Amino acid sequence: MQVVCIAKPGVSLLQTLTDSETSRHILRFYRPEDIKYGVRVQVSAVSSALALLSELRWYLLRYTTAALIEDTEHGVYLTRELAGKVYEEREVSLGETWEHAFRIAVTEDGESVKVPIGVDTPPGTILSFLVWGTQRECP
């Protein structure tokens, strides 16, 4: 299971996180991996992912466009908001499908775009994540 944080264009997210003593302290038990569009961190469970994202909240708001949690059971990525509703608050149960599904496409120039299911990703897309989110987050 992994957490994927997609950086804002022009931001070297791993460098930004390692430059800060606070985020280095938060990440000391993890091995963040630098990827072209952000950072990937292996975690053991959704609860670990939620805790990590909560601790990195300030950095995520400032330096990322999206933070996704891999849901290995359903083969998709969850937004932090939906994962919290499912695993912390127990407000929602996931099924085989999800009404508020979309794609997050990362383009060659580092932009990330939310794309509704059934709509083509923008030209120059290098990677696309199938994401389940809340109604509010759906494009």
N, C-alpha and C. Protein backbone atom coordinates (compact mmCIF):
# COMPACT_ATOMS: atom_id res chain seq x y z
N MET A 1 0.86 -1.17 0.00
CA MET A 1 0.00 0.00 0.00
C MET A 1 0.90 1.23 0.00
N GLN A 2 0.42 2.25 -0.67
CA GLN A 2 1.24 3.45 -0.78
C GLN A 2 0.42 4.73 -0.70
N VAL A 3 1.12 5.79 -0.35
CA VAL A 3 0.58 7.14 -0.39
C VAL A 3 1.31 7.83 -1.53
N VAL A 4 0.57 8.52 -2.38
CA VAL A 4 1.16 9.27 -3.48
C VAL A 4 0.79 10.74 -3.30
N CYS A 5 1.79 11.59 -3.23
CA CYS A 5 1.57 13.03 -3.11
C CYS A 5 2.04 13.66 -4.41
N ILE A 6 1.12 14.33 -5.10
CA ILE A 6 1.42 14.96 -6.37
C ILE A 6 1.78 16.42 -6.12
N ALA A 7 2.99 16.77 -6.49
CA ALA A 7 3.51 18.12 -6.23
C ALA A 7 2.92 19.14 -7.17
N LYS A 8 2.89 20.38 -6.71
CA LYS A 8 2.56 21.49 -7.60
C LYS A 8 3.67 21.61 -8.64
N PRO A 9 3.36 22.12 -9.83
CA PRO A 9 4.39 22.26 -10.86
C PRO A 9 5.59 23.06 -10.35
N GLY A 10 6.78 22.57 -10.66
CA GLY A 10 8.00 23.26 -10.29
C GLY A 10 8.49 22.97 -8.88
N VAL A 11 7.75 22.19 -8.11
CA VAL A 11 8.15 21.88 -6.73
C VAL A 11 8.82 20.51 -6.70
N SER A 12 10.01 20.47 -6.14
CA SER A 12 10.67 19.19 -5.87
C SER A 12 10.23 18.79 -4.47
N LEU A 13 9.19 17.97 -4.40
CA LEU A 13 8.54 17.70 -3.12
C LEU A 13 9.46 16.97 -2.14
N LEU A 14 10.18 15.98 -2.59
CA LEU A 14 11.08 15.27 -1.67
C LEU A 14 12.13 16.22 -1.12
N GLN A 15 12.71 17.05 -1.97
CA GLN A 15 13.71 18.02 -1.51
C GLN A 15 13.11 18.98 -0.49
N THR A 16 11.90 19.45 -0.77
CA THR A 16 11.20 20.36 0.14
C THR A 16 10.98 19.69 1.50
N LEU A 17 10.55 18.44 1.49
CA LEU A 17 10.29 17.72 2.74
C LEU A 17 11.57 17.42 3.50
N THR A 18 12.63 17.10 2.79
CA THR A 18 13.89 16.79 3.49
C THR A 18 14.62 18.04 3.95
N ASP A 19 14.32 19.19 3.36
CA ASP A 19 14.93 20.44 3.80
C ASP A 19 14.37 20.91 5.14
N SER A 20 13.19 20.45 5.49
CA SER A 20 12.54 20.88 6.72
C SER A 20 12.81 19.88 7.85
N GLU A 21 13.27 20.38 8.97
CA GLU A 21 13.53 19.51 10.11
C GLU A 21 12.24 18.85 10.61
N THR A 22 11.16 19.59 10.59
CA THR A 22 9.88 19.04 11.06
C THR A 22 9.42 17.89 10.19
N SER A 23 9.42 18.06 8.87
CA SER A 23 8.96 16.97 8.00
C SER A 23 9.96 15.80 7.99
N ARG A 24 11.25 16.09 8.12
CA ARG A 24 12.22 15.00 8.25
C ARG A 24 11.90 14.16 9.48
N HIS A 25 11.54 14.82 10.56
CA HIS A 25 11.18 14.12 11.80
C HIS A 25 9.93 13.27 11.58
N ILE A 26 8.94 13.81 10.90
CA ILE A 26 7.70 13.07 10.61
C ILE A 26 7.99 11.85 9.75
N LEU A 27 8.88 11.98 8.78
CA LEU A 27 9.16 10.91 7.82
C LEU A 27 10.26 9.95 8.28
N ARG A 28 10.76 10.11 9.48
CA ARG A 28 11.92 9.33 9.91
C ARG A 28 11.70 7.82 9.89
N PHE A 29 10.47 7.35 10.00
CA PHE A 29 10.20 5.92 9.99
C PHE A 29 9.78 5.41 8.60
N TYR A 30 9.77 6.29 7.63
CA TYR A 30 9.35 5.94 6.27
C TYR A 30 10.52 6.15 5.33
N ARG A 31 10.39 5.61 4.14
CA ARG A 31 11.40 5.83 3.10
C ARG A 31 10.70 6.46 1.90
N PRO A 32 10.50 7.77 1.93
CA PRO A 32 9.83 8.42 0.80
C PRO A 32 10.66 8.26 -0.47
N GLU A 33 9.96 8.01 -1.56
CA GLU A 33 10.60 7.81 -2.85
C GLU A 33 10.29 8.99 -3.76
N ASP A 34 11.32 9.58 -4.30
CA ASP A 34 11.16 10.70 -5.23
C ASP A 34 10.67 10.15 -6.57
N ILE A 35 9.57 10.68 -7.04
CA ILE A 35 9.06 10.30 -8.35
C ILE A 35 8.88 11.58 -9.15
N LYS A 36 8.83 11.47 -10.45
CA LYS A 36 8.85 12.64 -11.33
C LYS A 36 7.80 13.69 -10.96
N TYR A 37 6.65 13.25 -10.49
CA TYR A 37 5.53 14.15 -10.23
C TYR A 37 5.28 14.39 -8.74
N GLY A 38 6.14 13.88 -7.86
CA GLY A 38 5.93 14.09 -6.42
C GLY A 38 6.70 13.10 -5.59
N VAL A 39 6.00 12.51 -4.61
CA VAL A 39 6.62 11.57 -3.67
C VAL A 39 5.68 10.39 -3.46
N ARG A 40 6.29 9.21 -3.34
CA ARG A 40 5.54 8.00 -3.01
C ARG A 40 6.12 7.44 -1.71
N VAL A 41 5.22 7.04 -0.80
CA VAL A 41 5.64 6.50 0.48
C VAL A 41 4.90 5.18 0.71
N GLN A 42 5.65 4.13 0.99
CA GLN A 42 5.04 2.84 1.31
C GLN A 42 4.57 2.88 2.77
N VAL A 43 3.34 2.42 2.99
CA VAL A 43 2.77 2.35 4.34
C VAL A 43 2.17 0.96 4.52
N SER A 44 1.92 0.60 5.77
CA SER A 44 1.42 -0.74 6.05
C SER A 44 -0.10 -0.83 6.04
N ALA A 45 -0.79 0.28 6.29
CA ALA A 45 -2.25 0.24 6.39
C ALA A 45 -2.82 1.62 6.10
N VAL A 46 -4.11 1.66 5.85
CA VAL A 46 -4.77 2.94 5.59
C VAL A 46 -4.64 3.85 6.81
N SER A 47 -4.72 3.28 7.99
CA SER A 47 -4.58 4.10 9.20
C SER A 47 -3.22 4.77 9.26
N SER A 48 -2.17 4.08 8.83
CA SER A 48 -0.82 4.68 8.78
C SER A 48 -0.79 5.80 7.76
N ALA A 49 -1.43 5.57 6.62
CA ALA A 49 -1.47 6.60 5.57
C ALA A 49 -2.19 7.84 6.07
N LEU A 50 -3.33 7.65 6.73
CA LEU A 50 -4.09 8.79 7.25
C LEU A 50 -3.29 9.56 8.31
N ALA A 51 -2.60 8.84 9.16
CA ALA A 51 -1.78 9.49 10.19
C ALA A 51 -0.65 10.29 9.56
N LEU A 52 0.01 9.70 8.57
CA LEU A 52 1.11 10.39 7.90
C LEU A 52 0.61 11.66 7.21
N LEU A 53 -0.51 11.55 6.48
CA LEU A 53 -1.05 12.73 5.79
C LEU A 53 -1.49 13.80 6.78
N SER A 54 -2.01 13.40 7.91
CA SER A 54 -2.40 14.38 8.93
C SER A 54 -1.19 15.13 9.46
N GLU A 55 -0.11 14.41 9.69
CA GLU A 55 1.10 15.05 10.20
C GLU A 55 1.74 15.97 9.17
N LEU A 56 1.61 15.62 7.90
CA LEU A 56 2.21 16.43 6.83
C LEU A 56 1.25 17.46 6.27
N ARG A 57 0.13 17.66 6.90
CA ARG A 57 -0.96 18.50 6.38
C ARG A 57 -0.48 19.86 5.87
N TRP A 58 0.30 20.57 6.67
CA TRP A 58 0.75 21.91 6.28
C TRP A 58 1.54 21.85 4.97
N TYR A 59 2.44 20.89 4.83
CA TYR A 59 3.26 20.74 3.62
C TYR A 59 2.38 20.37 2.43
N LEU A 60 1.40 19.52 2.66
CA LEU A 60 0.51 19.10 1.58
C LEU A 60 -0.32 20.26 1.06
N LEU A 61 -0.83 21.08 1.96
CA LEU A 61 -1.62 22.23 1.53
C LEU A 61 -0.77 23.21 0.72
N ARG A 62 0.45 23.37 1.11
CA ARG A 62 1.32 24.37 0.48
C ARG A 62 1.99 23.89 -0.81
N TYR A 63 2.38 22.61 -0.86
CA TYR A 63 3.25 22.15 -1.94
C TYR A 63 2.66 21.08 -2.86
N THR A 64 1.44 20.62 -2.60
CA THR A 64 0.88 19.56 -3.44
C THR A 64 -0.47 19.95 -4.02
N THR A 65 -0.84 19.23 -5.06
CA THR A 65 -2.19 19.39 -5.63
C THR A 65 -3.09 18.24 -5.22
N ALA A 66 -2.51 17.10 -4.83
CA ALA A 66 -3.31 15.95 -4.41
C ALA A 66 -2.48 15.01 -3.56
N ALA A 67 -3.14 14.37 -2.61
CA ALA A 67 -2.54 13.30 -1.82
C ALA A 67 -3.50 12.13 -1.88
N LEU A 68 -3.01 11.00 -2.37
CA LEU A 68 -3.86 9.84 -2.61
C LEU A 68 -3.38 8.65 -1.80
N ILE A 69 -4.34 7.83 -1.38
CA ILE A 69 -4.04 6.62 -0.62
C ILE A 69 -4.46 5.43 -1.46
N GLU A 70 -3.55 4.52 -1.71
CA GLU A 70 -3.87 3.34 -2.50
C GLU A 70 -4.83 2.44 -1.72
N ASP A 71 -5.89 2.03 -2.37
CA ASP A 71 -6.84 1.07 -1.80
C ASP A 71 -6.65 -0.23 -2.57
N THR A 72 -5.85 -1.13 -2.02
CA THR A 72 -5.50 -2.35 -2.73
C THR A 72 -6.70 -3.27 -2.89
N GLU A 73 -7.66 -3.19 -2.00
CA GLU A 73 -8.85 -4.05 -2.10
C GLU A 73 -9.67 -3.74 -3.34
N HIS A 74 -9.80 -2.46 -3.67
CA HIS A 74 -10.63 -2.04 -4.80
C HIS A 74 -9.83 -1.66 -6.04
N GLY A 75 -8.51 -1.63 -5.94
CA GLY A 75 -7.66 -1.32 -7.08
C GLY A 75 -7.74 0.13 -7.53
N VAL A 76 -7.99 1.03 -6.59
CA VAL A 76 -8.11 2.46 -6.89
C VAL A 76 -7.31 3.23 -5.85
N TYR A 77 -7.31 4.55 -6.00
CA TYR A 77 -6.74 5.44 -4.99
C TYR A 77 -7.89 6.20 -4.35
N LEU A 78 -7.78 6.46 -3.07
CA LEU A 78 -8.78 7.23 -2.34
C LEU A 78 -8.22 8.60 -2.00
N THR A 79 -9.08 9.59 -2.00
CA THR A 79 -8.67 10.90 -1.50
C THR A 79 -8.56 10.80 0.02
N ARG A 80 -7.83 11.71 0.61
CA ARG A 80 -7.70 11.75 2.07
C ARG A 80 -9.07 11.91 2.72
N GLU A 81 -9.91 12.75 2.13
CA GLU A 81 -11.24 13.01 2.69
C GLU A 81 -12.09 11.74 2.71
N LEU A 82 -12.13 11.02 1.60
CA LEU A 82 -12.95 9.80 1.55
C LEU A 82 -12.37 8.72 2.46
N ALA A 83 -11.06 8.56 2.45
CA ALA A 83 -10.44 7.56 3.32
C ALA A 83 -10.76 7.84 4.79
N GLY A 84 -10.78 9.10 5.17
CA GLY A 84 -11.14 9.46 6.54
C GLY A 84 -12.57 9.09 6.86
N LYS A 85 -13.48 9.33 5.92
CA LYS A 85 -14.89 9.00 6.14
C LYS A 85 -15.10 7.48 6.24
N VAL A 86 -14.31 6.72 5.51
CA VAL A 86 -14.45 5.26 5.52
C VAL A 86 -13.76 4.64 6.72
N TYR A 87 -12.51 5.01 6.98
CA TYR A 87 -11.70 4.30 7.96
C TYR A 87 -11.62 4.96 9.33
N GLU A 88 -11.85 6.27 9.43
CA GLU A 88 -11.81 6.93 10.74
C GLU A 88 -13.21 7.14 11.30
N GLU A 89 -14.05 7.77 10.49
CA GLU A 89 -15.38 8.14 10.96
C GLU A 89 -16.40 7.04 10.77
N ARG A 90 -16.10 6.08 9.90
CA ARG A 90 -17.01 4.96 9.60
C ARG A 90 -18.37 5.44 9.09
N GLU A 91 -18.38 6.58 8.37
CA GLU A 91 -19.60 7.15 7.81
C GLU A 91 -20.02 6.46 6.52
N VAL A 92 -19.04 5.90 5.81
CA VAL A 92 -19.26 5.40 4.46
C VAL A 92 -18.69 4.00 4.35
N SER A 93 -19.34 3.15 3.55
CA SER A 93 -18.80 1.83 3.22
C SER A 93 -18.57 1.78 1.72
N LEU A 94 -17.42 1.30 1.33
CA LEU A 94 -17.11 1.19 -0.09
C LEU A 94 -17.67 -0.11 -0.65
N GLY A 95 -18.13 -0.05 -1.89
CA GLY A 95 -18.64 -1.23 -2.57
C GLY A 95 -17.75 -1.58 -3.75
N GLU A 96 -18.30 -2.34 -4.68
CA GLU A 96 -17.56 -2.72 -5.88
C GLU A 96 -17.32 -1.52 -6.80
N THR A 97 -18.25 -0.57 -6.78
CA THR A 97 -18.11 0.65 -7.57
C THR A 97 -18.33 1.84 -6.64
N TRP A 98 -18.04 3.03 -7.16
CA TRP A 98 -18.19 4.23 -6.35
C TRP A 98 -18.74 5.34 -7.24
N GLU A 99 -19.75 6.03 -6.76
CA GLU A 99 -20.43 7.06 -7.53
C GLU A 99 -19.53 8.25 -7.87
N HIS A 100 -18.63 8.59 -6.99
CA HIS A 100 -17.81 9.79 -7.15
C HIS A 100 -16.38 9.41 -7.57
N ALA A 101 -16.28 8.77 -8.73
CA ALA A 101 -14.98 8.34 -9.26
C ALA A 101 -14.54 9.33 -10.34
N PHE A 102 -13.24 9.53 -10.42
CA PHE A 102 -12.65 10.40 -11.44
C PHE A 102 -11.20 10.01 -11.64
N ARG A 103 -10.55 10.65 -12.55
CA ARG A 103 -9.12 10.42 -12.76
C ARG A 103 -8.35 11.69 -12.41
N ILE A 104 -7.16 11.50 -11.89
CA ILE A 104 -6.22 12.61 -11.77
C ILE A 104 -5.11 12.32 -12.76
N ALA A 105 -4.99 13.20 -13.73
CA ALA A 105 -3.98 13.05 -14.79
C ALA A 105 -2.82 14.00 -14.50
N VAL A 106 -1.62 13.47 -14.63
CA VAL A 106 -0.41 14.28 -14.48
C VAL A 106 0.18 14.44 -15.88
N THR A 107 0.41 15.69 -16.27
CA THR A 107 0.91 15.97 -17.61
C THR A 107 2.43 16.18 -17.62
N GLU A 108 2.99 16.21 -18.81
CA GLU A 108 4.44 16.37 -18.97
C GLU A 108 4.99 17.62 -18.30
N ASP A 109 4.18 18.68 -18.26
CA ASP A 109 4.64 19.93 -17.66
C ASP A 109 4.42 20.00 -16.15
N GLY A 110 3.99 18.88 -15.54
CA GLY A 110 3.85 18.82 -14.09
C GLY A 110 2.48 19.22 -13.57
N GLU A 111 1.59 19.63 -14.44
CA GLU A 111 0.22 19.98 -14.01
C GLU A 111 -0.54 18.70 -13.68
N SER A 112 -1.46 18.80 -12.73
CA SER A 112 -2.37 17.69 -12.46
C SER A 112 -3.79 18.20 -12.64
N VAL A 113 -4.62 17.35 -13.26
CA VAL A 113 -5.96 17.75 -13.63
C VAL A 113 -6.93 16.65 -13.22
N LYS A 114 -8.04 17.04 -12.59
CA LYS A 114 -9.11 16.09 -12.30
C LYS A 114 -9.96 15.95 -13.56
N VAL A 115 -10.18 14.70 -13.96
CA VAL A 115 -10.91 14.43 -15.19
C VAL A 115 -12.07 13.48 -14.87
N PRO A 116 -13.30 13.84 -15.25
CA PRO A 116 -14.43 12.93 -15.02
C PRO A 116 -14.23 11.61 -15.77
N ILE A 117 -14.77 10.55 -15.22
CA ILE A 117 -14.73 9.25 -15.89
C ILE A 117 -15.46 9.38 -17.23
N GLY A 118 -14.88 8.81 -18.27
CA GLY A 118 -15.47 8.88 -19.59
C GLY A 118 -14.95 10.02 -20.44
N VAL A 119 -14.21 10.93 -19.84
CA VAL A 119 -13.62 12.06 -20.57
C VAL A 119 -12.14 11.75 -20.77
N ASP A 120 -11.64 12.03 -21.97
CA ASP A 120 -10.23 11.77 -22.26
C ASP A 120 -9.33 12.64 -21.40
N THR A 121 -8.19 12.08 -21.03
CA THR A 121 -7.20 12.86 -20.29
C THR A 121 -6.57 13.87 -21.24
N PRO A 122 -6.02 14.95 -20.71
CA PRO A 122 -5.43 16.00 -21.56
C PRO A 122 -4.24 15.47 -22.36
N PRO A 123 -3.95 16.12 -23.50
CA PRO A 123 -2.76 15.76 -24.26
C PRO A 123 -1.51 15.92 -23.39
N GLY A 124 -0.56 15.04 -23.56
CA GLY A 124 0.67 15.12 -22.78
C GLY A 124 0.58 14.44 -21.42
N THR A 125 -0.49 13.69 -21.17
CA THR A 125 -0.63 12.99 -19.89
C THR A 125 0.41 11.88 -19.81
N ILE A 126 1.18 11.88 -18.71
CA ILE A 126 2.19 10.84 -18.53
C ILE A 126 1.72 9.77 -17.55
N LEU A 127 0.73 10.11 -16.73
CA LEU A 127 0.25 9.18 -15.72
C LEU A 127 -1.16 9.57 -15.33
N SER A 128 -1.96 8.56 -15.04
CA SER A 128 -3.35 8.81 -14.65
C SER A 128 -3.72 7.88 -13.51
N PHE A 129 -4.33 8.43 -12.48
CA PHE A 129 -4.76 7.64 -11.33
C PHE A 129 -6.28 7.56 -11.32
N LEU A 130 -6.82 6.37 -11.12
CA LEU A 130 -8.26 6.21 -10.91
C LEU A 130 -8.51 6.49 -9.44
N VAL A 131 -9.35 7.50 -9.16
CA VAL A 131 -9.53 7.99 -7.79
C VAL A 131 -11.00 7.92 -7.40
N TRP A 132 -11.24 7.51 -6.18
CA TRP A 132 -12.56 7.62 -5.57
C TRP A 132 -12.48 8.72 -4.53
N GLY A 133 -13.44 9.62 -4.58
CA GLY A 133 -13.46 10.74 -3.64
C GLY A 133 -14.85 11.00 -3.12
N THR A 134 -15.02 12.13 -2.50
CA THR A 134 -16.35 12.54 -2.02
C THR A 134 -17.03 13.34 -3.12
N GLN A 135 -18.30 13.56 -2.95
CA GLN A 135 -19.07 14.34 -3.93
C GLN A 135 -18.44 15.71 -4.13
N ARG A 136 -18.01 16.34 -3.05
CA ARG A 136 -17.41 17.66 -3.10
C ARG A 136 -16.13 17.69 -3.94
N GLU A 137 -15.40 16.60 -3.94
CA GLU A 137 -14.10 16.55 -4.64
C GLU A 137 -14.23 16.17 -6.11
N CYS A 138 -15.35 15.63 -6.50
CA CYS A 138 -15.55 15.12 -7.86
C CYS A 138 -15.66 16.29 -8.85
N PRO A 139 -14.96 16.21 -9.99
CA PRO A 139 -15.02 17.30 -10.96
C PRO A 139 -16.38 17.38 -11.66
